[in-house]
Amino acid sequence: MNGTRILLVAGCAATLAGCTTMATLDPKSDGALKAMSDKLAGADQLSVSAYRKLDRQLIDNPNMIGHASIEIQIDRPDRVKAAVRGSGEERRLYIGKDGSTIHSRNSNFHAHFPGHPTIEKTCDAASAKLGLHVPMQDFLSSNPYRDFRSGSDTIAHAGVERVGGQACDHLRGSREDLEWNLWISQSGHLPVRYSITVAGLKGEDHLRLDFKKWNLAPTITAGTFDFTPAKGSREIEFLPPGE
């Protein structure tokens, strides 16, 4: 049953959530991070697509999706729909204050978990109680600036670099268990690339997100965030982490 719980994980445990430090920033880092946070948090609705590379060292179950295409839609304050596709599998995640669901389309099973009044509260509760980590959750909150600062011991400006044809501010942050790098477009003030290197593992960039398309005014249709079980879908239950 523990394997089933891990199978449902939609993201990766290497996030900035759960820390209580507050990093100081140099003026360039502060300006770039604030501009990104204001842009993301200022959108009542948004959609984004990205490609995720996940190092095999972070995959402890053969059925977990590693490299994947990810599509996310959000409707603040509480609703998220995410689709993760890779390795011939697709998982979908539906978050809302009245209840949340994760669904494996190929295996055709689903599991429900509680919703909360905000996206952040649902993500935090799902992580703490279920070991479920929402894809890109570091960028979905109402205040990424606060979350990046509170989740890091240090943050510094590492220069201006071109990524995906865009001039980007390169920010580098760290805490005891990981180092992260973030490239923010100077023109659009949106994330272009994000990577995490976990302490104690061989190599670097154990998790990398390349953002393909941001839309801060998407057309979201009625029912987008509603989950309807497919015919024959089996409902299973989560176990608390560690059981």
C-alpha atoms as a PDB file:
ATOM      1  CA  MET A   1       0.000   0.000   0.000  1.00  0.00           C
ATOM      2  CA  ASN A   2       2.932   2.323   0.579  1.00  0.00           C
ATOM      3  CA  GLY A   3       3.810   1.888  -3.102  1.00  0.00           C
ATOM      4  CA  THR A   4       0.319   3.058  -4.004  1.00  0.00           C
ATOM      5  CA  ARG A   5       0.775   6.209  -1.944  1.00  0.00           C
ATOM      6  CA  ILE A   6       4.090   7.003  -3.650  1.00  0.00           C
ATOM      7  CA  LEU A   7       2.503   6.276  -7.034  1.00  0.00           C
ATOM      8  CA  LEU A   8       0.044   9.093  -6.425  1.00  0.00           C
ATOM      9  CA  VAL A   9       2.720  11.707  -5.802  1.00  0.00           C
ATOM     10  CA  ALA A  10       2.281  14.374  -8.472  1.00  0.00           C
ATOM     11  CA  GLY A  11       5.418  16.385  -7.934  1.00  0.00           C
ATOM     12  CA  CYS A  12       8.664  16.112  -6.059  1.00  0.00           C
ATOM     13  CA  ALA A  13       9.532  16.427  -2.393  1.00  0.00           C
ATOM     14  CA  ALA A  14      12.355  18.852  -3.203  1.00  0.00           C
ATOM     15  CA  THR A  15      10.487  22.144  -2.692  1.00  0.00           C
ATOM     16  CA  LEU A  16      11.042  25.228  -0.567  1.00  0.00           C
ATOM     17  CA  ALA A  17       7.978  24.607   1.594  1.00  0.00           C
ATOM     18  CA  GLY A  18       8.253  24.108   5.310  1.00  0.00           C
ATOM     19  CA  CYS A  19      11.242  26.270   6.261  1.00  0.00           C
ATOM     20  CA  THR A  20      11.235  29.075   8.807  1.00  0.00           C
ATOM     21  CA  THR A  21      14.394  31.007   7.866  1.00  0.00           C
ATOM     22  CA  MET A  22      14.254  34.419   6.136  1.00  0.00           C
ATOM     23  CA  ALA A  23      17.066  35.074   3.681  1.00  0.00           C
ATOM     24  CA  THR A  24      18.455  38.562   3.105  1.00  0.00           C
ATOM     25  CA  LEU A  25      18.677  39.717  -0.515  1.00  0.00           C
ATOM     26  CA  ASP A  26      20.927  42.047  -2.463  1.00  0.00           C
ATOM     27  CA  PRO A  27      19.060  44.800  -4.394  1.00  0.00           C
ATOM     28  CA  LYS A  28      19.186  43.005  -7.771  1.00  0.00           C
ATOM     29  CA  SER A  29      17.856  39.736  -6.360  1.00  0.00           C
ATOM     30  CA  ASP A  30      15.224  41.569  -4.344  1.00  0.00           C
ATOM     31  CA  GLY A  31      13.955  43.491  -7.362  1.00  0.00           C
ATOM     32  CA  ALA A  32      13.810  40.473  -9.655  1.00  0.00           C
ATOM     33  CA  LEU A  33      12.106  38.243  -7.089  1.00  0.00           C
ATOM     34  CA  LYS A  34       9.557  40.920  -6.158  1.00  0.00           C
ATOM     35  CA  ALA A  35       8.729  41.615  -9.800  1.00  0.00           C
ATOM     36  CA  MET A  36       8.149  37.907 -10.450  1.00  0.00           C
ATOM     37  CA  SER A  37       6.050  37.507  -7.321  1.00  0.00           C
ATOM     38  CA  ASP A  38       3.904  40.553  -8.115  1.00  0.00           C
ATOM     39  CA  LYS A  39       3.304  39.291 -11.663  1.00  0.00           C
ATOM     40  CA  LEU A  40       2.296  35.785 -10.592  1.00  0.00           C
ATOM     41  CA  ALA A  41       0.292  36.739  -7.502  1.00  0.00           C
ATOM     42  CA  GLY A  42      -1.469  39.555  -9.346  1.00  0.00           C
ATOM     43  CA  ALA A  43      -3.150  37.141 -11.750  1.00  0.00           C
ATOM     44  CA  ASP A  44      -6.528  35.901 -10.507  1.00  0.00           C
ATOM     45  CA  GLN A  45      -6.295  33.133 -13.085  1.00  0.00           C
ATOM     46  CA  LEU A  46      -3.288  31.737 -14.913  1.00  0.00           C
ATOM     47  CA  SER A  47      -2.082  28.767 -16.890  1.00  0.00           C
ATOM     48  CA  VAL A  48       1.426  27.458 -17.494  1.00  0.00           C
ATOM     49  CA  SER A  49       3.073  24.554 -19.285  1.00  0.00           C
ATOM     50  CA  ALA A  50       6.532  23.225 -18.490  1.00  0.00           C
ATOM     51  CA  TYR A  51       8.844  20.282 -18.968  1.00  0.00           C
ATOM     52  CA  ARG A  52      10.241  18.616 -15.855  1.00  0.00           C
ATOM     53  CA  LYS A  53      13.422  16.575 -15.646  1.00  0.00           C
ATOM     54  CA  LEU A  54      13.647  14.468 -12.502  1.00  0.00           C
ATOM     55  CA  ASP A  55      16.831  12.634 -11.538  1.00  0.00           C
ATOM     56  CA  ARG A  56      16.377   8.893 -11.005  1.00  0.00           C
ATOM     57  CA  GLN A  57      17.948   9.251  -7.550  1.00  0.00           C
ATOM     58  CA  LEU A  58      14.752  11.003  -6.425  1.00  0.00           C
ATOM     59  CA  ILE A  59      12.496   8.257  -7.783  1.00  0.00           C
ATOM     60  CA  ASP A  60      11.929   5.545  -5.182  1.00  0.00           C
ATOM     61  CA  ASN A  61       9.088   3.768  -6.991  1.00  0.00           C
ATOM     62  CA  PRO A  62       9.276   2.396 -10.562  1.00  0.00           C
ATOM     63  CA  ASN A  63       5.734   3.618 -11.264  1.00  0.00           C
ATOM     64  CA  MET A  64       6.459   7.230 -10.371  1.00  0.00           C
ATOM     65  CA  ILE A  65       6.567   9.624 -13.336  1.00  0.00           C
ATOM     66  CA  GLY A  66      10.060  11.056 -13.858  1.00  0.00           C
ATOM     67  CA  HIS A  67      10.628  13.271 -16.890  1.00  0.00           C
ATOM     68  CA  ALA A  68       7.256  14.795 -17.703  1.00  0.00           C
ATOM     69  CA  SER A  69       5.281  17.477 -19.471  1.00  0.00           C
ATOM     70  CA  ILE A  70       3.191  19.459 -16.988  1.00  0.00           C
ATOM     71  CA  GLU A  71       0.202  21.711 -17.575  1.00  0.00           C
ATOM     72  CA  ILE A  72      -1.384  23.718 -14.779  1.00  0.00           C
ATOM     73  CA  GLN A  73      -4.378  26.020 -14.537  1.00  0.00           C
ATOM     74  CA  ILE A  74      -5.254  27.976 -11.407  1.00  0.00           C
ATOM     75  CA  ASP A  75      -8.199  30.074 -10.298  1.00  0.00           C
ATOM     76  CA  ARG A  76      -7.460  31.946  -7.090  1.00  0.00           C
ATOM     77  CA  PRO A  77      -7.894  31.623  -4.231  1.00  0.00           C
ATOM     78  CA  ASP A  78      -8.397  27.855  -4.075  1.00  0.00           C
ATOM     79  CA  ARG A  79      -8.614  25.972  -7.382  1.00  0.00           C
ATOM     80  CA  VAL A  80      -5.930  24.136  -9.346  1.00  0.00           C
ATOM     81  CA  LYS A  81      -5.961  21.616 -12.163  1.00  0.00           C
ATOM     82  CA  ALA A  82      -2.670  19.922 -13.054  1.00  0.00           C
ATOM     83  CA  ALA A  83      -1.830  17.284 -15.643  1.00  0.00           C
ATOM     84  CA  VAL A  84       1.482  15.375 -15.516  1.00  0.00           C
ATOM     85  CA  ARG A  85       2.337  13.264 -18.573  1.00  0.00           C
ATOM     86  CA  GLY A  86       5.390  11.055 -19.008  1.00  0.00           C
ATOM     87  CA  SER A  87       6.628   7.463 -19.303  1.00  0.00           C
ATOM     88  CA  GLY A  88       3.376   6.482 -20.982  1.00  0.00           C
ATOM     89  CA  GLU A  89       1.360   7.581 -17.946  1.00  0.00           C
ATOM     90  CA  GLU A  90      -0.846  10.557 -17.135  1.00  0.00           C
ATOM     91  CA  ARG A  91      -1.911  11.782 -13.707  1.00  0.00           C
ATOM     92  CA  ARG A  92      -4.324  14.605 -13.058  1.00  0.00           C
ATOM     93  CA  LEU A  93      -4.775  16.643  -9.906  1.00  0.00           C
ATOM     94  CA  TYR A  94      -7.847  18.671  -8.998  1.00  0.00           C
ATOM     95  CA  ILE A  95      -7.684  21.055  -6.024  1.00  0.00           C
ATOM     96  CA  GLY A  96     -10.567  23.021  -4.533  1.00  0.00           C
ATOM     97  CA  LYS A  97     -11.735  24.205  -1.133  1.00  0.00           C
ATOM     98  CA  ASP A  98     -14.641  21.732  -1.190  1.00  0.00           C
ATOM     99  CA  GLY A  99     -12.409  18.742  -1.891  1.00  0.00           C
ATOM    100  CA  SER A 100      -9.435  17.609  -3.967  1.00  0.00           C
ATOM    101  CA  THR A 101      -8.693  14.544  -6.080  1.00  0.00           C
ATOM    102  CA  ILE A 102      -5.762  12.885  -7.809  1.00  0.00           C
ATOM    103  CA  HIS A 103      -6.472  10.532 -10.715  1.00  0.00           C
ATOM    104  CA  SER A 104      -4.272   8.069 -12.588  1.00  0.00           C
ATOM    105  CA  ARG A 105      -5.798   7.956 -16.064  1.00  0.00           C
ATOM    106  CA  ASN A 106      -3.882   4.889 -17.272  1.00  0.00           C
ATOM    107  CA  SER A 107      -4.429   2.764 -14.159  1.00  0.00           C
ATOM    108  CA  ASN A 108      -7.894   4.336 -13.752  1.00  0.00           C
ATOM    109  CA  PHE A 109      -7.908   4.873 -10.013  1.00  0.00           C
ATOM    110  CA  HIS A 110      -8.426   8.008  -7.971  1.00  0.00           C
ATOM    111  CA  ALA A 111      -8.110   9.216  -4.402  1.00  0.00           C
ATOM    112  CA  HIS A 112      -9.759  12.121  -2.610  1.00  0.00           C
ATOM    113  CA  PHE A 113      -8.197  14.402  -0.010  1.00  0.00           C
ATOM    114  CA  PRO A 114      -9.443  17.512   1.828  1.00  0.00           C
ATOM    115  CA  GLY A 115      -9.521  20.949   0.250  1.00  0.00           C
ATOM    116  CA  HIS A 116      -8.865  24.238   2.053  1.00  0.00           C
ATOM    117  CA  PRO A 117      -9.780  27.902   1.459  1.00  0.00           C
ATOM    118  CA  THR A 118      -6.498  28.674  -0.348  1.00  0.00           C
ATOM    119  CA  ILE A 119      -4.135  26.867  -2.680  1.00  0.00           C
ATOM    120  CA  GLU A 120      -1.282  27.271  -0.185  1.00  0.00           C
ATOM    121  CA  LYS A 121      -3.222  25.678   2.656  1.00  0.00           C
ATOM    122  CA  THR A 122      -4.257  22.720   0.518  1.00  0.00           C
ATOM    123  CA  CYS A 123      -0.661  22.210  -0.695  1.00  0.00           C
ATOM    124  CA  ASP A 124       0.754  22.475   2.829  1.00  0.00           C
ATOM    125  CA  ALA A 125      -1.786  20.034   4.277  1.00  0.00           C
ATOM    126  CA  ALA A 126      -1.339  17.551   1.421  1.00  0.00           C
ATOM    127  CA  SER A 127       2.431  17.627   1.882  1.00  0.00           C
ATOM    128  CA  ALA A 128       2.386  17.298   5.684  1.00  0.00           C
ATOM    129  CA  LYS A 129      -0.359  14.694   6.010  1.00  0.00           C
ATOM    130  CA  LEU A 130      -0.137  12.696   2.772  1.00  0.00           C
ATOM    131  CA  GLY A 131       3.362  13.187   1.361  1.00  0.00           C
ATOM    132  CA  LEU A 132       1.729  14.644  -1.759  1.00  0.00           C
ATOM    133  CA  HIS A 133       3.653  17.446  -3.469  1.00  0.00           C
ATOM    134  CA  VAL A 134       1.861  19.570  -6.031  1.00  0.00           C
ATOM    135  CA  PRO A 135       3.813  20.251  -9.255  1.00  0.00           C
ATOM    136  CA  MET A 136       5.379  23.744  -9.362  1.00  0.00           C
ATOM    137  CA  GLN A 137       3.902  24.567  -5.958  1.00  0.00           C
ATOM    138  CA  ASP A 138       6.741  27.046  -5.274  1.00  0.00           C
ATOM    139  CA  PHE A 139       5.163  29.320  -7.918  1.00  0.00           C
ATOM    140  CA  LEU A 140       1.449  28.874  -7.185  1.00  0.00           C
ATOM    141  CA  SER A 141       1.138  30.706  -3.875  1.00  0.00           C
ATOM    142  CA  SER A 142      -0.238  34.208  -3.339  1.00  0.00           C
ATOM    143  CA  ASN A 143       3.242  35.425  -2.345  1.00  0.00           C
ATOM    144  CA  PRO A 144       6.195  33.601  -3.978  1.00  0.00           C
ATOM    145  CA  TYR A 145       8.531  36.387  -2.786  1.00  0.00           C
ATOM    146  CA  ARG A 146       7.782  35.572   0.839  1.00  0.00           C
ATOM    147  CA  ASP A 147       7.969  31.827   0.248  1.00  0.00           C
ATOM    148  CA  PHE A 148      11.330  31.892  -1.543  1.00  0.00           C
ATOM    149  CA  ARG A 149      12.804  34.090   1.192  1.00  0.00           C
ATOM    150  CA  SER A 150      11.389  32.041   4.052  1.00  0.00           C
ATOM    151  CA  GLY A 151      12.498  28.793   2.394  1.00  0.00           C
ATOM    152  CA  SER A 152      16.125  29.824   1.933  1.00  0.00           C
ATOM    153  CA  ASP A 153      19.150  30.683   4.055  1.00  0.00           C
ATOM    154  CA  THR A 154      20.858  32.660   1.275  1.00  0.00           C
ATOM    155  CA  ILE A 155      19.751  34.250  -2.011  1.00  0.00           C
ATOM    156  CA  ALA A 156      22.157  36.019  -4.374  1.00  0.00           C
ATOM    157  CA  HIS A 157      22.166  37.475  -7.886  1.00  0.00           C
ATOM    158  CA  ALA A 158      24.389  35.270 -10.060  1.00  0.00           C
ATOM    159  CA  GLY A 159      24.359  37.471 -13.162  1.00  0.00           C
ATOM    160  CA  VAL A 160      22.336  38.039 -16.320  1.00  0.00           C
ATOM    161  CA  GLU A 161      22.127  35.051 -18.686  1.00  0.00           C
ATOM    162  CA  ARG A 162      20.165  34.165 -21.803  1.00  0.00           C
ATOM    163  CA  VAL A 163      17.837  31.195 -21.422  1.00  0.00           C
ATOM    164  CA  GLY A 164      15.421  30.191 -24.147  1.00  0.00           C
ATOM    165  CA  GLY A 165      16.336  33.307 -26.091  1.00  0.00           C
ATOM    166  CA  GLN A 166      15.451  35.618 -23.182  1.00  0.00           C
ATOM    167  CA  ALA A 167      17.712  37.797 -21.033  1.00  0.00           C
ATOM    168  CA  CYS A 168      17.202  36.540 -17.484  1.00  0.00           C
ATOM    169  CA  ASP A 169      18.211  37.483 -13.972  1.00  0.00           C
ATOM    170  CA  HIS A 170      19.865  34.375 -12.519  1.00  0.00           C
ATOM    171  CA  LEU A 171      19.143  33.970  -8.809  1.00  0.00           C
ATOM    172  CA  ARG A 172      20.860  31.329  -6.686  1.00  0.00           C
ATOM    173  CA  GLY A 173      19.609  30.287  -3.263  1.00  0.00           C
ATOM    174  CA  SER A 174      20.461  27.642  -0.704  1.00  0.00           C
ATOM    175  CA  ARG A 175      19.531  26.050   2.564  1.00  0.00           C
ATOM    176  CA  GLU A 176      21.054  23.133   4.444  1.00  0.00           C
ATOM    177  CA  ASP A 177      19.504  20.367   2.337  1.00  0.00           C
ATOM    178  CA  LEU A 178      19.473  21.866  -1.170  1.00  0.00           C
ATOM    179  CA  GLU A 179      20.556  24.588  -3.581  1.00  0.00           C
ATOM    180  CA  TRP A 180      18.212  26.174  -6.100  1.00  0.00           C
ATOM    181  CA  ASN A 181      18.685  28.270  -9.222  1.00  0.00           C
ATOM    182  CA  LEU A 182      16.012  30.447 -10.801  1.00  0.00           C
ATOM    183  CA  TRP A 183      16.100  32.345 -14.077  1.00  0.00           C
ATOM    184  CA  ILE A 184      13.552  35.191 -14.347  1.00  0.00           C
ATOM    185  CA  SER A 185      12.864  36.971 -17.625  1.00  0.00           C
ATOM    186  CA  GLN A 186      13.936  40.622 -17.452  1.00  0.00           C
ATOM    187  CA  SER A 187      11.234  41.671 -19.892  1.00  0.00           C
ATOM    188  CA  GLY A 188       8.260  39.624 -18.725  1.00  0.00           C
ATOM    189  CA  HIS A 189       9.314  39.082 -15.071  1.00  0.00           C
ATOM    190  CA  LEU A 190       8.190  35.432 -15.263  1.00  0.00           C
ATOM    191  CA  PRO A 191      10.136  32.244 -14.456  1.00  0.00           C
ATOM    192  CA  VAL A 192      11.963  30.715 -17.422  1.00  0.00           C
ATOM    193  CA  ARG A 193      13.923  27.933 -15.713  1.00  0.00           C
ATOM    194  CA  TYR A 194      14.151  26.543 -12.192  1.00  0.00           C
ATOM    195  CA  SER A 195      16.451  23.835 -10.857  1.00  0.00           C
ATOM    196  CA  ILE A 196      17.129  22.164  -7.524  1.00  0.00           C
ATOM    197  CA  THR A 197      20.231  20.243  -6.428  1.00  0.00           C
ATOM    198  CA  VAL A 198      19.727  18.079  -3.346  1.00  0.00           C
ATOM    199  CA  ALA A 199      22.561  17.779  -0.845  1.00  0.00           C
ATOM    200  CA  GLY A 200      24.112  14.315  -0.545  1.00  0.00           C
ATOM    201  CA  LEU A 201      23.174  13.147  -4.051  1.00  0.00           C
ATOM    202  CA  LYS A 202      25.596  12.714  -6.930  1.00  0.00           C
ATOM    203  CA  GLY A 203      25.515  15.280  -9.710  1.00  0.00           C
ATOM    204  CA  GLU A 204      23.414  18.429  -9.883  1.00  0.00           C
ATOM    205  CA  ASP A 205      20.091  19.728 -11.196  1.00  0.00           C
ATOM    206  CA  HIS A 206      18.226  16.788  -9.680  1.00  0.00           C
ATOM    207  CA  LEU A 207      14.975  18.576 -10.481  1.00  0.00           C
ATOM    208  CA  ARG A 208      14.670  21.017 -13.388  1.00  0.00           C
ATOM    209  CA  LEU A 209      11.664  22.872 -14.749  1.00  0.00           C
ATOM    210  CA  ASP A 210      11.767  24.592 -18.124  1.00  0.00           C
ATOM    211  CA  PHE A 211       8.718  26.819 -18.409  1.00  0.00           C
ATOM    212  CA  LYS A 212       7.283  26.830 -21.923  1.00  0.00           C
ATOM    213  CA  LYS A 213       4.272  29.139 -21.841  1.00  0.00           C
ATOM    214  CA  TRP A 214       2.736  31.441 -19.253  1.00  0.00           C
ATOM    215  CA  ASN A 215      -0.750  32.904 -19.731  1.00  0.00           C
ATOM    216  CA  LEU A 216      -1.918  35.370 -17.079  1.00  0.00           C
ATOM    217  CA  ALA A 217      -5.352  35.837 -18.654  1.00  0.00           C
ATOM    218  CA  PRO A 218      -6.399  32.367 -19.855  1.00  0.00           C
ATOM    219  CA  THR A 219      -9.846  31.357 -21.037  1.00  0.00           C
ATOM    220  CA  ILE A 220     -11.025  28.874 -18.421  1.00  0.00           C
ATOM    221  CA  THR A 221     -14.289  27.094 -19.132  1.00  0.00           C
ATOM    222  CA  ALA A 222     -16.950  26.036 -16.661  1.00  0.00           C
ATOM    223  CA  GLY A 223     -16.164  22.669 -15.122  1.00  0.00           C
ATOM    224  CA  THR A 224     -12.408  22.890 -15.706  1.00  0.00           C
ATOM    225  CA  PHE A 225     -11.689  22.188 -12.045  1.00  0.00           C
ATOM    226  CA  ASP A 226     -14.394  19.550 -11.537  1.00  0.00           C
ATOM    227  CA  PHE A 227     -13.411  15.893 -11.339  1.00  0.00           C
ATOM    228  CA  THR A 228     -15.741  13.312 -12.888  1.00  0.00           C
ATOM    229  CA  PRO A 229     -14.574   9.697 -12.437  1.00  0.00           C
ATOM    230  CA  ALA A 230     -14.011   7.783 -15.641  1.00  0.00           C
ATOM    231  CA  LYS A 231     -16.064   4.658 -16.146  1.00  0.00           C
ATOM    232  CA  GLY A 232     -14.682   1.880 -13.958  1.00  0.00           C
ATOM    233  CA  SER A 233     -12.323   4.139 -12.004  1.00  0.00           C
ATOM    234  CA  ARG A 234     -11.441   2.622  -8.606  1.00  0.00           C
ATOM    235  CA  GLU A 235     -11.271   4.797  -5.519  1.00  0.00           C
ATOM    236  CA  ILE A 236      -8.344   4.097  -3.206  1.00  0.00           C
ATOM    237  CA  GLU A 237      -7.194   5.710   0.033  1.00  0.00           C
ATOM    238  CA  PHE A 238      -4.053   7.531   1.093  1.00  0.00           C
ATOM    239  CA  LEU A 239      -1.905   6.307   3.931  1.00  0.00           C
ATOM    240  CA  PRO A 240      -0.037   8.838   6.100  1.00  0.00           C
ATOM    241  CA  PRO A 241       3.663   9.177   5.163  1.00  0.00           C
ATOM    242  CA  GLY A 242       5.790   6.522   6.824  1.00  0.00           C
ATOM    243  CA  GLU A 243       3.104   3.861   7.123  1.00  0.00           C
END
